[in-house]
Amino acid sequence: MSYKVTLVCTLLAAALCLFNATGYDPHNLFLFMLSVPIWFVELFGDIHAVNVYFMYLLTVVSWAVIGLCCDIGIARSARNRSEA
């Protein structure tokens, strides 16, 4: 099985975190839009009470899991097409 989508999603999440950490995202706009764990933190608590590096780690891990789920779905779809 090829993990292309997992790799792309992980790299994009890492780039998002690096973009935010370097200060080019001063109002955290892109991080708040694209980080799934931050969505849940905003719903249930105060975002300022959470360690930002922990949020970066969770962002990368969550996008890696999303990419892995996509890769598994693509592999199943390809396998089903080849069986039919």
PDB file of N, CA and C in Angstrom:
ATOM      1  N   MET A   1       0.838  -1.181   0.000  1.00  0.00           N
ATOM      2  CA  MET A   1       0.000   0.000   0.000  1.00  0.00           C
ATOM      3  C   MET A   1       0.881   1.240   0.000  1.00  0.00           C
ATOM      4  N   SER A   2       0.513   2.193  -0.812  1.00  0.00           N
ATOM      5  CA  SER A   2       1.240   3.455  -0.902  1.00  0.00           C
ATOM      6  C   SER A   2       0.665   4.459   0.091  1.00  0.00           C
ATOM      7  N   TYR A   3       1.520   5.191   0.750  1.00  0.00           N
ATOM      8  CA  TYR A   3       1.092   6.164   1.761  1.00  0.00           C
ATOM      9  C   TYR A   3       1.300   7.595   1.264  1.00  0.00           C
ATOM     10  N   LYS A   4       0.935   7.862   0.026  1.00  0.00           N
ATOM     11  CA  LYS A   4       1.160   9.193  -0.549  1.00  0.00           C
ATOM     12  C   LYS A   4       0.311  10.274   0.114  1.00  0.00           C
ATOM     13  N   VAL A   5      -0.952  10.000   0.350  1.00  0.00           N
ATOM     14  CA  VAL A   5      -1.834  11.003   0.948  1.00  0.00           C
ATOM     15  C   VAL A   5      -1.423  11.263   2.396  1.00  0.00           C
ATOM     16  N   THR A   6      -1.023  10.211   3.097  1.00  0.00           N
ATOM     17  CA  THR A   6      -0.552  10.377   4.473  1.00  0.00           C
ATOM     18  C   THR A   6       0.662  11.295   4.520  1.00  0.00           C
ATOM     19  N   LEU A   7       1.591  11.076   3.621  1.00  0.00           N
ATOM     20  CA  LEU A   7       2.793  11.906   3.573  1.00  0.00           C
ATOM     21  C   LEU A   7       2.457  13.353   3.237  1.00  0.00           C
ATOM     22  N   VAL A   8       1.600  13.558   2.270  1.00  0.00           N
ATOM     23  CA  VAL A   8       1.228  14.922   1.869  1.00  0.00           C
ATOM     24  C   VAL A   8       0.509  15.641   3.009  1.00  0.00           C
ATOM     25  N   CYS A   9      -0.443  14.972   3.644  1.00  0.00           N
ATOM     26  CA  CYS A   9      -1.176  15.595   4.756  1.00  0.00           C
ATOM     27  C   CYS A   9      -0.248  15.918   5.922  1.00  0.00           C
ATOM     28  N   THR A  10       0.662  15.009   6.230  1.00  0.00           N
ATOM     29  CA  THR A  10       1.607  15.238   7.324  1.00  0.00           C
ATOM     30  C   THR A  10       2.522  16.415   7.021  1.00  0.00           C
ATOM     31  N   LEU A  11       3.031  16.487   5.792  1.00  0.00           N
ATOM     32  CA  LEU A  11       3.901  17.598   5.418  1.00  0.00           C
ATOM     33  C   LEU A  11       3.157  18.929   5.413  1.00  0.00           C
ATOM     34  N   LEU A  12       1.914  18.919   4.952  1.00  0.00           N
ATOM     35  CA  LEU A  12       1.134  20.161   4.968  1.00  0.00           C
ATOM     36  C   LEU A  12       0.851  20.621   6.399  1.00  0.00           C
ATOM     37  N   ALA A  13       0.576  19.684   7.294  1.00  0.00           N
ATOM     38  CA  ALA A  13       0.342  20.049   8.695  1.00  0.00           C
ATOM     39  C   ALA A  13       1.619  20.579   9.333  1.00  0.00           C
ATOM     40  N   ALA A  14       2.746  19.961   9.026  1.00  0.00           N
ATOM     41  CA  ALA A  14       4.018  20.444   9.556  1.00  0.00           C
ATOM     42  C   ALA A  14       4.319  21.845   9.019  1.00  0.00           C
ATOM     43  N   ALA A  15       4.026  22.069   7.736  1.00  0.00           N
ATOM     44  CA  ALA A  15       4.231  23.401   7.146  1.00  0.00           C
ATOM     45  C   ALA A  15       3.303  24.428   7.789  1.00  0.00           C
ATOM     46  N   LEU A  16       2.075  24.039   8.079  1.00  0.00           N
ATOM     47  CA  LEU A  16       1.136  24.923   8.753  1.00  0.00           C
ATOM     48  C   LEU A  16       1.649  25.325  10.133  1.00  0.00           C
ATOM     49  N   CYS A  17       2.152  24.353  10.883  1.00  0.00           N
ATOM     50  CA  CYS A  17       2.679  24.636  12.222  1.00  0.00           C
ATOM     51  C   CYS A  17       3.931  25.507  12.148  1.00  0.00           C
ATOM     52  N   LEU A  18       4.787  25.228  11.196  1.00  0.00           N
ATOM     53  CA  LEU A  18       5.994  26.035  11.020  1.00  0.00           C
ATOM     54  C   LEU A  18       5.637  27.464  10.599  1.00  0.00           C
ATOM     55  N   PHE A  19       4.649  27.598   9.724  1.00  0.00           N
ATOM     56  CA  PHE A  19       4.169  28.912   9.291  1.00  0.00           C
ATOM     57  C   PHE A  19       3.669  29.708  10.480  1.00  0.00           C
ATOM     58  N   ASN A  20       2.938  29.061  11.371  1.00  0.00           N
ATOM     59  CA  ASN A  20       2.415  29.737  12.548  1.00  0.00           C
ATOM     60  C   ASN A  20       3.520  30.052  13.543  1.00  0.00           C
ATOM     61  N   ALA A  21       4.435  29.130  13.739  1.00  0.00           N
ATOM     62  CA  ALA A  21       5.494  29.310  14.743  1.00  0.00           C
ATOM     63  C   ALA A  21       6.475  30.414  14.355  1.00  0.00           C
ATOM     64  N   THR A  22       6.659  30.653  13.062  1.00  0.00           N
ATOM     65  CA  THR A  22       7.602  31.678  12.628  1.00  0.00           C
ATOM     66  C   THR A  22       7.020  33.084  12.703  1.00  0.00           C
ATOM     67  N   GLY A  23       5.715  33.183  12.944  1.00  0.00           N
ATOM     68  CA  GLY A  23       5.109  34.494  13.098  1.00  0.00           C
ATOM     69  C   GLY A  23       4.477  35.063  11.852  1.00  0.00           C
ATOM     70  N   TYR A  24       4.466  34.317  10.762  1.00  0.00           N
ATOM     71  CA  TYR A  24       3.840  34.812   9.534  1.00  0.00           C
ATOM     72  C   TYR A  24       2.314  34.721   9.585  1.00  0.00           C
ATOM     73  N   ASP A  25       1.795  34.068  10.607  1.00  0.00           N
ATOM     74  CA  ASP A  25       0.354  33.964  10.825  1.00  0.00           C
ATOM     75  C   ASP A  25       0.049  34.666  12.148  1.00  0.00           C
ATOM     76  N   PRO A  26       0.127  36.001  12.177  1.00  0.00           N
ATOM     77  CA  PRO A  26       0.096  36.721  13.448  1.00  0.00           C
ATOM     78  C   PRO A  26      -1.205  36.581  14.232  1.00  0.00           C
ATOM     79  N   HIS A  27      -2.318  36.387  13.560  1.00  0.00           N
ATOM     80  CA  HIS A  27      -3.595  36.268  14.255  1.00  0.00           C
ATOM     81  C   HIS A  27      -4.059  34.817  14.341  1.00  0.00           C
ATOM     82  N   ASN A  28      -3.176  33.879  14.020  1.00  0.00           N
ATOM     83  CA  ASN A  28      -3.449  32.437  14.077  1.00  0.00           C
ATOM     84  C   ASN A  28      -4.623  32.029  13.183  1.00  0.00           C
ATOM     85  N   LEU A  29      -4.869  32.792  12.154  1.00  0.00           N
ATOM     86  CA  LEU A  29      -6.013  32.547  11.285  1.00  0.00           C
ATOM     87  C   LEU A  29      -5.933  31.179  10.614  1.00  0.00           C
ATOM     88  N   PHE A  30      -4.819  30.884   9.978  1.00  0.00           N
ATOM     89  CA  PHE A  30      -4.688  29.611   9.264  1.00  0.00           C
ATOM     90  C   PHE A  30      -4.646  28.428  10.215  1.00  0.00           C
ATOM     91  N   LEU A  31      -3.982  28.592  11.346  1.00  0.00           N
ATOM     92  CA  LEU A  31      -3.916  27.505  12.319  1.00  0.00           C
ATOM     93  C   LEU A  31      -5.306  27.192  12.863  1.00  0.00           C
ATOM     94  N   PHE A  32      -6.088  28.203  13.173  1.00  0.00           N
ATOM     95  CA  PHE A  32      -7.429  27.973  13.715  1.00  0.00           C
ATOM     96  C   PHE A  32      -8.365  27.383  12.659  1.00  0.00           C
ATOM     97  N   MET A  33      -8.152  27.717  11.393  1.00  0.00           N
ATOM     98  CA  MET A  33      -8.997  27.163  10.332  1.00  0.00           C
ATOM     99  C   MET A  33      -8.670  25.710  10.025  1.00  0.00           C
ATOM    100  N   LEU A  34      -7.396  25.341  10.085  1.00  0.00           N
ATOM    101  CA  LEU A  34      -6.974  24.043   9.561  1.00  0.00           C
ATOM    102  C   LEU A  34      -6.530  23.032  10.610  1.00  0.00           C
ATOM    103  N   SER A  35      -6.535  23.375  11.861  1.00  0.00           N
ATOM    104  CA  SER A  35      -6.117  22.449  12.910  1.00  0.00           C
ATOM    105  C   SER A  35      -7.337  21.837  13.584  1.00  0.00           C
ATOM    106  N   VAL A  36      -7.558  20.561  13.343  1.00  0.00           N
ATOM    107  CA  VAL A  36      -8.717  19.867  13.909  1.00  0.00           C
ATOM    108  C   VAL A  36      -8.698  19.861  15.439  1.00  0.00           C
ATOM    109  N   PRO A  37      -7.573  19.593  16.108  1.00  0.00           N
ATOM    110  CA  PRO A  37      -7.592  19.610  17.575  1.00  0.00           C
ATOM    111  C   PRO A  37      -7.945  20.975  18.166  1.00  0.00           C
ATOM    112  N   ILE A  38      -7.556  22.033  17.502  1.00  0.00           N
ATOM    113  CA  ILE A  38      -7.867  23.371  18.011  1.00  0.00           C
ATOM    114  C   ILE A  38      -9.368  23.637  17.924  1.00  0.00           C
ATOM    115  N   TRP A  39     -10.048  23.045  16.959  1.00  0.00           N
ATOM    116  CA  TRP A  39     -11.494  23.201  16.889  1.00  0.00           C
ATOM    117  C   TRP A  39     -12.135  22.686  18.172  1.00  0.00           C
ATOM    118  N   PHE A  40     -11.674  21.534  18.649  1.00  0.00           N
ATOM    119  CA  PHE A  40     -12.257  20.940  19.851  1.00  0.00           C
ATOM    120  C   PHE A  40     -11.852  21.700  21.109  1.00  0.00           C
ATOM    121  N   VAL A  41     -10.628  22.196  21.142  1.00  0.00           N
ATOM    122  CA  VAL A  41     -10.196  22.979  22.307  1.00  0.00           C
ATOM    123  C   VAL A  41     -11.027  24.251  22.408  1.00  0.00           C
ATOM    124  N   GLU A  42     -11.295  24.894  21.267  1.00  0.00           N
ATOM    125  CA  GLU A  42     -12.101  26.113  21.275  1.00  0.00           C
ATOM    126  C   GLU A  42     -13.531  25.846  21.730  1.00  0.00           C
ATOM    127  N   LEU A  43     -14.054  24.663  21.426  1.00  0.00           N
ATOM    128  CA  LEU A  43     -15.423  24.340  21.825  1.00  0.00           C
ATOM    129  C   LEU A  43     -15.550  24.096  23.324  1.00  0.00           C
ATOM    130  N   PHE A  44     -14.547  23.445  23.915  1.00  0.00           N
ATOM    131  CA  PHE A  44     -14.679  22.979  25.284  1.00  0.00           C
ATOM    132  C   PHE A  44     -13.796  23.703  26.294  1.00  0.00           C
ATOM    133  N   GLY A  45     -12.967  24.632  25.862  1.00  0.00           N
ATOM    134  CA  GLY A  45     -12.094  25.309  26.811  1.00  0.00           C
ATOM    135  C   GLY A  45     -11.469  26.551  26.235  1.00  0.00           C
ATOM    136  N   ASP A  46     -10.482  27.041  26.939  1.00  0.00           N
ATOM    137  CA  ASP A  46      -9.779  28.252  26.536  1.00  0.00           C
ATOM    138  C   ASP A  46      -8.511  27.868  25.780  1.00  0.00           C
ATOM    139  N   ILE A  47      -8.389  28.361  24.577  1.00  0.00           N
ATOM    140  CA  ILE A  47      -7.236  28.034  23.729  1.00  0.00           C
ATOM    141  C   ILE A  47      -5.941  28.551  24.332  1.00  0.00           C
ATOM    142  N   HIS A  48      -6.008  29.607  25.112  1.00  0.00           N
ATOM    143  CA  HIS A  48      -4.801  30.199  25.694  1.00  0.00           C
ATOM    144  C   HIS A  48      -4.273  29.397  26.871  1.00  0.00           C
ATOM    145  N   ALA A  49      -5.052  28.451  27.365  1.00  0.00           N
ATOM    146  CA  ALA A  49      -4.624  27.622  28.502  1.00  0.00           C
ATOM    147  C   ALA A  49      -3.897  26.360  28.050  1.00  0.00           C
ATOM    148  N   VAL A  50      -3.798  26.139  26.732  1.00  0.00           N
ATOM    149  CA  VAL A  50      -3.193  24.920  26.197  1.00  0.00           C
ATOM    150  C   VAL A  50      -1.813  25.250  25.643  1.00  0.00           C
ATOM    151  N   ASN A  51      -0.879  24.334  25.841  1.00  0.00           N
ATOM    152  CA  ASN A  51       0.476  24.498  25.325  1.00  0.00           C
ATOM    153  C   ASN A  51       0.452  24.477  23.793  1.00  0.00           C
ATOM    154  N   VAL A  52       1.033  25.491  23.180  1.00  0.00           N
ATOM    155  CA  VAL A  52       0.996  25.619  21.722  1.00  0.00           C
ATOM    156  C   VAL A  52       1.784  24.496  21.041  1.00  0.00           C
ATOM    157  N   TYR A  53       2.869  24.040  21.631  1.00  0.00           N
ATOM    158  CA  TYR A  53       3.651  22.965  21.020  1.00  0.00           C
ATOM    159  C   TYR A  53       2.892  21.647  21.054  1.00  0.00           C
ATOM    160  N   PHE A  54       2.089  21.454  22.099  1.00  0.00           N
ATOM    161  CA  PHE A  54       1.236  20.272  22.159  1.00  0.00           C
ATOM    162  C   PHE A  54       0.179  20.342  21.057  1.00  0.00           C
ATOM    163  N   MET A  55      -0.345  21.535  20.783  1.00  0.00           N
ATOM    164  CA  MET A  55      -1.312  21.708  19.704  1.00  0.00           C
ATOM    165  C   MET A  55      -0.671  21.457  18.340  1.00  0.00           C
ATOM    166  N   TYR A  56       0.580  21.887  18.183  1.00  0.00           N
ATOM    167  CA  TYR A  56       1.286  21.602  16.936  1.00  0.00           C
ATOM    168  C   TYR A  56       1.433  20.094  16.742  1.00  0.00           C
ATOM    169  N   LEU A  57       1.826  19.398  17.782  1.00  0.00           N
ATOM    170  CA  LEU A  57       1.985  17.946  17.704  1.00  0.00           C
ATOM    171  C   LEU A  57       0.655  17.279  17.368  1.00  0.00           C
ATOM    172  N   LEU A  58      -0.403  17.677  18.047  1.00  0.00           N
ATOM    173  CA  LEU A  58      -1.719  17.091  17.767  1.00  0.00           C
ATOM    174  C   LEU A  58      -2.201  17.414  16.355  1.00  0.00           C
ATOM    175  N   THR A  59      -1.864  18.580  15.861  1.00  0.00           N
ATOM    176  CA  THR A  59      -2.247  18.952  14.495  1.00  0.00           C
ATOM    177  C   THR A  59      -1.572  18.039  13.483  1.00  0.00           C
ATOM    178  N   VAL A  60      -0.282  17.827  13.642  1.00  0.00           N
ATOM    179  CA  VAL A  60       0.451  16.962  12.707  1.00  0.00           C
ATOM    180  C   VAL A  60      -0.062  15.520  12.797  1.00  0.00           C
ATOM    181  N   VAL A  61      -0.268  15.044  14.003  1.00  0.00           N
ATOM    182  CA  VAL A  61      -0.750  13.675  14.183  1.00  0.00           C
ATOM    183  C   VAL A  61      -2.162  13.518  13.614  1.00  0.00           C
ATOM    184  N   SER A  62      -3.025  14.487  13.858  1.00  0.00           N
ATOM    185  CA  SER A  62      -4.397  14.364  13.353  1.00  0.00           C
ATOM    186  C   SER A  62      -4.437  14.367  11.830  1.00  0.00           C
ATOM    187  N   TRP A  63      -3.627  15.204  11.189  1.00  0.00           N
ATOM    188  CA  TRP A  63      -3.608  15.202   9.730  1.00  0.00           C
ATOM    189  C   TRP A  63      -2.952  13.946   9.171  1.00  0.00           C
ATOM    190  N   ALA A  64      -2.008  13.365   9.900  1.00  0.00           N
ATOM    191  CA  ALA A  64      -1.429  12.090   9.479  1.00  0.00           C
ATOM    192  C   ALA A  64      -2.486  10.987   9.538  1.00  0.00           C
ATOM    193  N   VAL A  65      -3.303  11.000  10.575  1.00  0.00           N
ATOM    194  CA  VAL A  65      -4.378  10.007  10.701  1.00  0.00           C
ATOM    195  C   VAL A  65      -5.427  10.207   9.606  1.00  0.00           C
ATOM    196  N   ILE A  66      -5.768  11.445   9.311  1.00  0.00           N
ATOM    197  CA  ILE A  66      -6.715  11.726   8.228  1.00  0.00           C
ATOM    198  C   ILE A  66      -6.154  11.214   6.898  1.00  0.00           C
ATOM    199  N   GLY A  67      -4.884  11.462   6.643  1.00  0.00           N
ATOM    200  CA  GLY A  67      -4.252  10.970   5.421  1.00  0.00           C
ATOM    201  C   GLY A  67      -4.212   9.456   5.369  1.00  0.00           C
ATOM    202  N   LEU A  68      -3.948   8.827   6.498  1.00  0.00           N
ATOM    203  CA  LEU A  68      -3.926   7.363   6.554  1.00  0.00           C
ATOM    204  C   LEU A  68      -5.310   6.794   6.253  1.00  0.00           C
ATOM    205  N   CYS A  69      -6.334   7.402   6.807  1.00  0.00           N
ATOM    206  CA  CYS A  69      -7.705   6.955   6.510  1.00  0.00           C
ATOM    207  C   CYS A  69      -8.011   7.098   5.021  1.00  0.00           C
ATOM    208  N   CYS A  70      -7.562   8.170   4.418  1.00  0.00           N
ATOM    209  CA  CYS A  70      -7.748   8.354   2.977  1.00  0.00           C
ATOM    210  C   CYS A  70      -6.995   7.292   2.184  1.00  0.00           C
ATOM    211  N   ASP A  71      -5.758   7.008   2.575  1.00  0.00           N
ATOM    212  CA  ASP A  71      -4.977   5.972   1.893  1.00  0.00           C
ATOM    213  C   ASP A  71      -5.633   4.604   2.015  1.00  0.00           C
ATOM    214  N   ILE A  72      -6.172   4.291   3.171  1.00  0.00           N
ATOM    215  CA  ILE A  72      -6.853   3.005   3.363  1.00  0.00           C
ATOM    216  C   ILE A  72      -8.100   2.947   2.484  1.00  0.00           C
ATOM    217  N   GLY A  73      -8.850   4.042   2.426  1.00  0.00           N
ATOM    218  CA  GLY A  73     -10.023   4.086   1.559  1.00  0.00           C
ATOM    219  C   GLY A  73      -9.670   3.948   0.091  1.00  0.00           C
ATOM    220  N   ILE A  74      -8.599   4.585  -0.330  1.00  0.00           N
ATOM    221  CA  ILE A  74      -8.152   4.477  -1.728  1.00  0.00           C
ATOM    222  C   ILE A  74      -7.730   3.046  -2.034  1.00  0.00           C
ATOM    223  N   ALA A  75      -7.005   2.415  -1.119  1.00  0.00           N
ATOM    224  CA  ALA A  75      -6.563   1.037  -1.332  1.00  0.00           C
ATOM    225  C   ALA A  75      -7.753   0.078  -1.407  1.00  0.00           C
ATOM    226  N   ARG A  76      -8.750   0.281  -0.541  1.00  0.00           N
ATOM    227  CA  ARG A  76      -9.949  -0.577  -0.585  1.00  0.00           C
ATOM    228  C   ARG A  76     -10.712  -0.385  -1.888  1.00  0.00           C
ATOM    229  N   SER A  77     -10.825   0.859  -2.313  1.00  0.00           N
ATOM    230  CA  SER A  77     -11.528   1.140  -3.554  1.00  0.00           C
ATOM    231  C   SER A  77     -10.812   0.500  -4.745  1.00  0.00           C
ATOM    232  N   ALA A  78      -9.504   0.584  -4.777  1.00  0.00           N
ATOM    233  CA  ALA A  78      -8.733  -0.016  -5.864  1.00  0.00           C
ATOM    234  C   ALA A  78      -8.850  -1.544  -5.836  1.00  0.00           C
ATOM    235  N   ARG A  79      -8.863  -2.104  -4.636  1.00  0.00           N
ATOM    236  CA  ARG A  79      -8.980  -3.557  -4.510  1.00  0.00           C
ATOM    237  C   ARG A  79     -10.365  -4.016  -4.971  1.00  0.00           C
ATOM    238  N   ASN A  80     -11.398  -3.260  -4.613  1.00  0.00           N
ATOM    239  CA  ASN A  80     -12.753  -3.616  -5.040  1.00  0.00           C
ATOM    240  C   ASN A  80     -12.929  -3.497  -6.548  1.00  0.00           C
ATOM    241  N   ARG A  81     -12.289  -2.505  -7.158  1.00  0.00           N
ATOM    242  CA  ARG A  81     -12.364  -2.352  -8.607  1.00  0.00           C
ATOM    243  C   ARG A  81     -11.658  -3.486  -9.317  1.00  0.00           C
ATOM    244  N   SER A  82     -10.539  -3.953  -8.748  1.00  0.00           N
ATOM    245  CA  SER A  82      -9.800  -5.031  -9.398  1.00  0.00           C
ATOM    246  C   SER A  82     -10.504  -6.374  -9.259  1.00  0.00           C
ATOM    247  N   GLU A  83     -11.295  -6.530  -8.196  1.00  0.00           N
ATOM    248  CA  GLU A  83     -12.042  -7.790  -7.994  1.00  0.00           C
ATOM    249  C   GLU A  83     -13.268  -7.858  -8.894  1.00  0.00           C
ATOM    250  N   ALA A  84     -13.812  -6.725  -9.248  1.00  0.00           N
ATOM    251  CA  ALA A  84     -15.058  -6.715 -10.046  1.00  0.00           C
ATOM    252  C   ALA A  84     -14.819  -6.943 -11.511  1.00  0.00           C
TER     253      ALA A  84
END
